[in-house]
Each structure stands twice: as C-alpha cells, then as structure tokens.
N, C-alpha and C. Protein backbone atom coordinates (compact mmCIF):
# COMPACT_ATOMS: atom_id res chain seq x y z
N MET A 1 74.98 119.51 53.72
CA MET A 1 76.20 118.76 54.19
C MET A 1 77.48 119.70 54.23
N GLN A 2 77.97 119.62 55.30
CA GLN A 2 79.23 120.42 55.53
C GLN A 2 80.47 119.91 55.00
N THR A 3 81.31 120.79 54.50
CA THR A 3 82.73 120.19 54.10
C THR A 3 83.66 120.14 55.39
N LEU A 4 84.59 119.28 54.83
CA LEU A 4 85.60 119.11 56.00
C LEU A 4 86.30 120.30 56.61
N ALA A 5 86.53 121.13 55.65
CA ALA A 5 87.03 122.34 55.91
C ALA A 5 86.09 123.14 57.10
N ASP A 6 85.02 123.20 56.78
CA ASP A 6 84.06 123.98 57.77
C ASP A 6 84.05 123.41 59.10
N ILE A 7 83.92 121.93 59.00
CA ILE A 7 83.99 121.33 60.33
C ILE A 7 85.23 121.58 61.15
N LEU A 8 86.30 121.50 60.54
CA LEU A 8 87.56 121.79 61.23
C LEU A 8 87.75 123.29 61.66
N LYS A 9 87.14 124.21 60.82
CA LYS A 9 87.02 125.58 61.33
C LYS A 9 86.16 125.80 62.58
N ASN A 10 85.14 125.02 62.60
CA ASN A 10 84.43 125.16 63.83
C ASN A 10 84.94 124.51 65.04
N LYS A 11 85.72 123.43 64.89
CA LYS A 11 86.42 122.88 65.96
C LYS A 11 87.46 123.65 66.46
N LYS A 12 88.21 124.47 65.71
CA LYS A 12 89.16 125.41 66.22
C LYS A 12 88.67 126.45 66.73
N ALA A 13 87.52 126.93 66.29
CA ALA A 13 86.87 128.05 66.81
C ALA A 13 86.28 127.94 68.40
N ASN A 14 86.09 126.62 68.63
CA ASN A 14 85.34 126.30 69.92
C ASN A 14 86.39 125.94 70.94
N ARG A 15 87.56 125.76 70.54
CA ARG A 15 88.70 125.51 71.48
C ARG A 15 89.23 126.65 72.15
N ASP A 16 89.47 126.52 73.58
CA ASP A 16 89.78 127.55 74.43
C ASP A 16 91.16 127.90 74.04
N HIS A 17 91.45 129.11 73.95
CA HIS A 17 92.93 129.56 73.41
C HIS A 17 93.77 129.49 74.66
N ARG A 18 93.38 129.45 76.02
CA ARG A 18 94.14 129.51 76.93
C ARG A 18 94.89 128.15 77.29
N ASN A 19 94.14 127.09 76.78
CA ASN A 19 94.74 125.84 77.16
C ASN A 19 95.44 125.02 75.88
N SER A 20 96.77 124.71 76.36
CA SER A 20 97.55 124.03 75.44
C SER A 20 97.49 122.56 75.80
N TYR A 21 97.38 122.38 77.31
CA TYR A 21 97.57 120.94 77.72
C TYR A 21 96.23 120.53 78.59
N GLU A 22 96.24 119.46 78.87
CA GLU A 22 94.89 119.03 79.60
C GLU A 22 94.94 119.59 81.10
N PHE A 23 96.05 119.64 81.81
CA PHE A 23 96.00 120.16 83.19
C PHE A 23 95.61 121.73 83.11
N GLN A 24 95.95 122.39 82.04
CA GLN A 24 95.47 123.86 82.00
C GLN A 24 93.90 123.84 82.04
N ALA A 25 93.46 123.05 81.15
CA ALA A 25 92.04 122.98 81.05
C ALA A 25 91.35 122.74 82.45
N PHE A 26 91.89 121.71 82.94
CA PHE A 26 91.49 121.39 84.38
C PHE A 26 91.65 122.31 85.42
N GLY A 27 92.66 123.17 85.46
CA GLY A 27 92.94 124.25 86.32
C GLY A 27 91.95 125.37 86.14
N ASN A 28 91.86 125.70 84.72
CA ASN A 28 90.65 126.69 84.46
C ASN A 28 89.42 126.21 84.80
N ARG A 29 88.94 125.15 84.58
CA ARG A 29 87.79 124.51 85.19
C ARG A 29 87.55 124.71 86.67
N LEU A 30 88.74 124.49 87.39
CA LEU A 30 88.51 124.61 88.82
C LEU A 30 88.51 125.94 89.12
N ALA A 31 89.05 126.91 88.65
CA ALA A 31 88.91 128.43 88.84
C ALA A 31 87.44 128.96 88.59
N GLU A 32 87.06 128.45 87.38
CA GLU A 32 85.66 129.01 87.16
C GLU A 32 84.58 128.22 88.00
N GLU A 33 84.73 127.04 88.37
CA GLU A 33 83.68 126.38 89.31
C GLU A 33 83.94 126.84 90.81
N LEU A 34 84.92 127.35 91.18
CA LEU A 34 85.04 128.05 92.47
C LEU A 34 84.95 129.47 92.47
N GLY A 35 84.67 130.03 91.29
CA GLY A 35 84.41 131.57 91.11
C GLY A 35 85.66 132.32 91.66
N ASP A 36 86.90 131.68 91.38
CA ASP A 36 88.14 132.38 91.72
C ASP A 36 89.08 132.68 90.45
N ILE A 37 88.56 133.28 89.52
CA ILE A 37 89.29 133.45 88.38
C ILE A 37 90.58 134.26 88.51
N LYS A 38 90.55 135.10 89.43
CA LYS A 38 91.73 135.82 89.86
C LYS A 38 92.99 135.05 90.12
N HIS A 39 92.85 133.90 90.72
CA HIS A 39 93.85 133.06 91.08
C HIS A 39 93.98 131.71 90.05
N ARG A 40 93.71 132.00 88.86
CA ARG A 40 93.61 130.85 87.82
C ARG A 40 94.98 130.14 87.76
N ALA A 41 96.27 130.94 87.86
CA ALA A 41 97.55 130.29 87.77
C ALA A 41 97.61 129.31 88.97
N LEU A 42 97.24 129.64 90.12
CA LEU A 42 97.27 128.63 91.34
C LEU A 42 96.60 127.48 90.92
N TYR A 43 95.29 127.42 90.41
CA TYR A 43 94.78 126.08 90.03
C TYR A 43 95.36 125.43 88.98
N ILE A 44 95.98 126.00 88.03
CA ILE A 44 96.62 125.29 86.95
C ILE A 44 97.73 124.49 87.65
N LYS A 45 98.55 125.30 88.45
CA LYS A 45 99.79 124.78 89.03
C LYS A 45 99.42 123.55 90.04
N LEU A 46 98.17 123.68 90.65
CA LEU A 46 97.67 122.55 91.36
C LEU A 46 97.37 121.30 90.54
N ALA A 47 96.66 121.66 89.42
CA ALA A 47 96.36 120.63 88.46
C ALA A 47 97.54 120.03 87.84
N LYS A 48 98.66 120.63 87.78
CA LYS A 48 99.72 120.03 87.14
C LYS A 48 100.51 119.20 88.14
N THR A 49 100.72 119.64 89.45
CA THR A 49 101.28 118.95 90.29
C THR A 49 100.67 118.10 91.49
N GLU A 50 99.54 118.19 91.65
CA GLU A 50 98.83 117.46 92.70
C GLU A 50 98.10 116.30 92.00
N ASP A 51 97.76 115.45 92.92
CA ASP A 51 96.90 114.35 92.67
C ASP A 51 95.37 114.64 92.18
N ARG A 52 95.05 114.03 91.02
CA ARG A 52 93.77 114.61 90.31
C ARG A 52 92.71 114.33 91.42
N ASN A 53 92.74 112.97 91.80
CA ASN A 53 91.58 112.50 92.80
C ASN A 53 91.44 113.30 93.94
N LEU A 54 92.69 113.78 94.47
CA LEU A 54 92.58 114.61 95.66
C LEU A 54 91.96 115.91 95.34
N LEU A 55 92.32 116.59 94.20
CA LEU A 55 91.52 117.72 93.89
C LEU A 55 90.04 117.64 93.48
N LEU A 56 89.68 116.44 92.98
CA LEU A 56 88.23 116.23 92.78
C LEU A 56 87.59 116.14 94.01
N GLN A 57 88.16 115.44 95.05
CA GLN A 57 87.51 115.18 96.40
C GLN A 57 87.22 116.63 97.06
N ALA A 58 88.29 117.22 97.01
CA ALA A 58 88.07 118.78 97.52
C ALA A 58 87.16 119.53 96.79
N LEU A 59 87.03 119.31 95.57
CA LEU A 59 86.09 120.00 94.60
C LEU A 59 84.56 119.57 95.02
N ASP A 60 84.49 118.38 95.09
CA ASP A 60 83.29 117.82 95.59
C ASP A 60 82.83 118.29 96.93
N HIS A 61 83.60 118.54 97.91
CA HIS A 61 83.30 118.96 99.26
C HIS A 61 82.80 120.35 99.20
N ILE A 62 83.51 121.03 98.25
CA ILE A 62 83.20 122.45 98.06
C ILE A 62 81.66 122.60 97.47
N LYS A 63 81.38 121.82 96.57
CA LYS A 63 80.16 121.78 95.96
C LYS A 63 78.93 121.44 96.89
N ALA A 64 79.34 120.55 97.83
CA ALA A 64 78.30 119.91 98.67
C ALA A 64 78.08 121.08 99.87
N SER A 65 78.77 121.95 100.13
CA SER A 65 78.71 123.03 101.02
C SER A 65 77.91 124.26 100.41
N PRO A 66 76.73 124.48 100.51
CA PRO A 66 76.19 125.77 99.88
C PRO A 66 76.34 126.95 100.54
N ASN A 67 76.66 126.97 101.70
CA ASN A 67 76.97 128.28 102.48
C ASN A 67 78.40 128.70 102.45
N ALA A 68 79.15 128.34 101.56
CA ALA A 68 80.56 128.64 101.52
C ALA A 68 80.60 129.94 100.72
N THR A 69 81.10 131.05 101.64
CA THR A 69 81.30 132.35 100.88
C THR A 69 82.59 132.52 100.15
N THR A 70 83.71 131.98 100.62
CA THR A 70 85.03 132.08 100.07
C THR A 70 85.41 130.60 99.56
N LYS A 71 84.91 130.31 98.44
CA LYS A 71 85.08 128.78 98.05
C LYS A 71 86.51 128.44 97.76
N GLY A 72 87.31 129.41 97.38
CA GLY A 72 88.86 129.30 97.00
C GLY A 72 89.55 128.84 98.23
N ARG A 73 89.22 129.68 99.44
CA ARG A 73 89.87 129.43 100.65
C ARG A 73 89.60 128.09 101.23
N LEU A 74 88.25 127.68 101.12
CA LEU A 74 87.76 126.51 101.52
C LEU A 74 88.34 125.31 100.76
N PHE A 75 88.45 125.46 99.38
CA PHE A 75 89.03 124.46 98.73
C PHE A 75 90.49 124.12 99.06
N MET A 76 91.38 125.28 99.21
CA MET A 76 92.75 125.12 99.74
C MET A 76 92.84 124.37 101.00
N TRP A 77 91.91 124.75 101.88
CA TRP A 77 91.92 124.15 103.32
C TRP A 77 91.57 122.60 103.06
N LYS A 78 90.61 122.36 102.17
CA LYS A 78 90.32 120.87 102.02
C LYS A 78 91.50 120.07 101.37
N VAL A 79 92.21 120.78 100.44
CA VAL A 79 93.31 120.12 99.79
C VAL A 79 94.44 119.99 100.82
N LYS A 80 94.80 120.79 101.69
CA LYS A 80 95.63 120.69 102.74
C LYS A 80 95.21 119.55 103.56
N GLN A 81 93.93 119.56 104.19
CA GLN A 81 93.41 118.39 104.98
C GLN A 81 93.52 117.09 104.27
N LEU A 82 93.38 116.92 103.06
CA LEU A 82 93.46 115.64 102.47
C LEU A 82 94.74 115.21 102.17
N LYS A 83 95.58 116.12 101.83
CA LYS A 83 97.11 115.74 101.63
C LYS A 83 97.66 115.22 102.97
N ALA A 84 97.23 115.96 104.21
CA ALA A 84 97.82 115.50 105.53
C ALA A 84 97.26 114.05 105.84
N ALA A 85 96.03 113.85 105.49
CA ALA A 85 95.33 112.49 105.85
C ALA A 85 96.07 111.40 104.97
N SER A 86 96.41 111.76 103.92
CA SER A 86 96.98 110.67 102.81
C SER A 86 98.49 110.48 103.38
N ALA A 87 99.18 111.52 103.77
CA ALA A 87 100.50 111.51 104.44
C ALA A 87 100.50 110.60 105.61
N GLU A 88 99.59 110.71 106.56
CA GLU A 88 99.41 109.81 107.69
C GLU A 88 99.16 108.63 107.21
N LYS A 89 98.35 108.34 106.36
CA LYS A 89 98.09 106.97 105.90
C LYS A 89 99.30 106.06 105.44
N GLU A 90 100.22 107.05 104.72
CA GLU A 90 101.37 106.44 104.09
C GLU A 90 102.44 106.23 105.12
N GLN A 91 102.46 106.88 106.21
CA GLN A 91 103.39 106.68 107.37
C GLN A 91 102.88 105.68 108.21
N ALA A 92 101.59 105.40 108.31
CA ALA A 92 101.04 104.28 109.15
C ALA A 92 101.42 102.99 108.51
N THR A 93 101.40 102.91 107.06
CA THR A 93 101.68 101.71 106.36
C THR A 93 103.18 101.44 106.43
N GLU A 94 104.00 102.52 106.53
CA GLU A 94 105.49 102.31 106.46
C GLU A 94 105.98 101.88 107.98
N LYS A 95 105.41 102.36 108.88
CA LYS A 95 105.83 102.02 110.31
C LYS A 95 105.26 100.55 110.73
N LYS A 96 104.38 100.25 110.16
CA LYS A 96 103.71 98.79 110.53
C LYS A 96 104.78 97.81 110.47
N PRO A 97 105.25 97.13 111.72
CA PRO A 97 106.16 96.15 111.69
C PRO A 97 105.78 94.97 110.87
N HIS A 98 106.65 94.41 110.19
CA HIS A 98 106.45 93.12 109.53
C HIS A 98 106.72 92.07 110.48
N PRO A 99 105.71 90.89 110.55
CA PRO A 99 106.12 89.94 111.41
C PRO A 99 107.11 89.18 110.96
N LYS A 100 108.19 88.99 111.92
CA LYS A 100 109.32 88.08 111.69
C LYS A 100 109.05 86.67 111.56
N LYS A 101 109.67 86.08 110.68
CA LYS A 101 109.66 84.49 110.65
C LYS A 101 110.58 83.88 111.66
N ASN A 102 110.14 83.02 112.28
CA ASN A 102 111.18 82.03 113.32
C ASN A 102 111.93 81.36 112.17
N GLU A 103 113.15 81.78 112.40
CA GLU A 103 114.22 81.14 111.65
C GLU A 103 114.93 80.11 112.50
N LYS A 104 115.05 78.84 112.03
CA LYS A 104 115.63 78.05 112.87
C LYS A 104 116.96 77.71 112.08
N GLU A 105 117.98 77.66 112.81
CA GLU A 105 119.31 77.44 112.46
C GLU A 105 119.52 75.86 112.09
N THR A 106 119.84 75.65 111.05
CA THR A 106 120.16 73.92 110.63
C THR A 106 121.76 73.96 110.53
N ASN A 107 122.13 72.90 111.33
CA ASN A 107 123.63 72.63 111.24
C ASN A 107 123.76 71.41 110.71
C-alpha cells in the first residue's frame, strides 16, 4: 500500500509543467492534435478567447478529413468559416422584425 506522500508525488510528476490553467491545456492539446507545435501560443490564445464549441467543431472537421496536409491552416479556415456563420445567424435574428400588435386607442 502506498503512502499519501507517494501518491501526491506521482500526481505532481504526471502534471504537464506548461499548463497552469485549463485553457492552456486545451490549447496545447489542439496544437498536438493538429501537429502544429510551432504555433502553440496561437492555439492557447484561441482556447482562451474563442468559443470552445466552435473550436471543437473545427477540430472534428479536421479529424474527419484524412488528406489534409496542412492541418493548422485548414483548422484556422474552418474556425473563420464557423465564426462567420454564427455572426450571420446572429444578424438574422436581430434583423427579424417583430410583429406589431394592433393597438386600439381607447378614449
């Protein structure tokens, strides 16, 4: 049976030294899965500022395309495309006119 000190020592040894926050871990995971370690800081910034679901959708798109040679470039293109689609969707909901109620004046 292990002592508590041994268990804690193993936990600290397994921790990635680059990650202090969760978004850093996600950004590092993105960089590793895309094979673009050189641009790790970009993916960390995206993980911090962008919507997580949007990034996961783009990552799923990249994983589904087996012939992608530049996965990082394709990922950024897909993120841009998804952001534009969500912005269009928001504008469509804002511009939709609300039906006006027929107000009768009562005297």
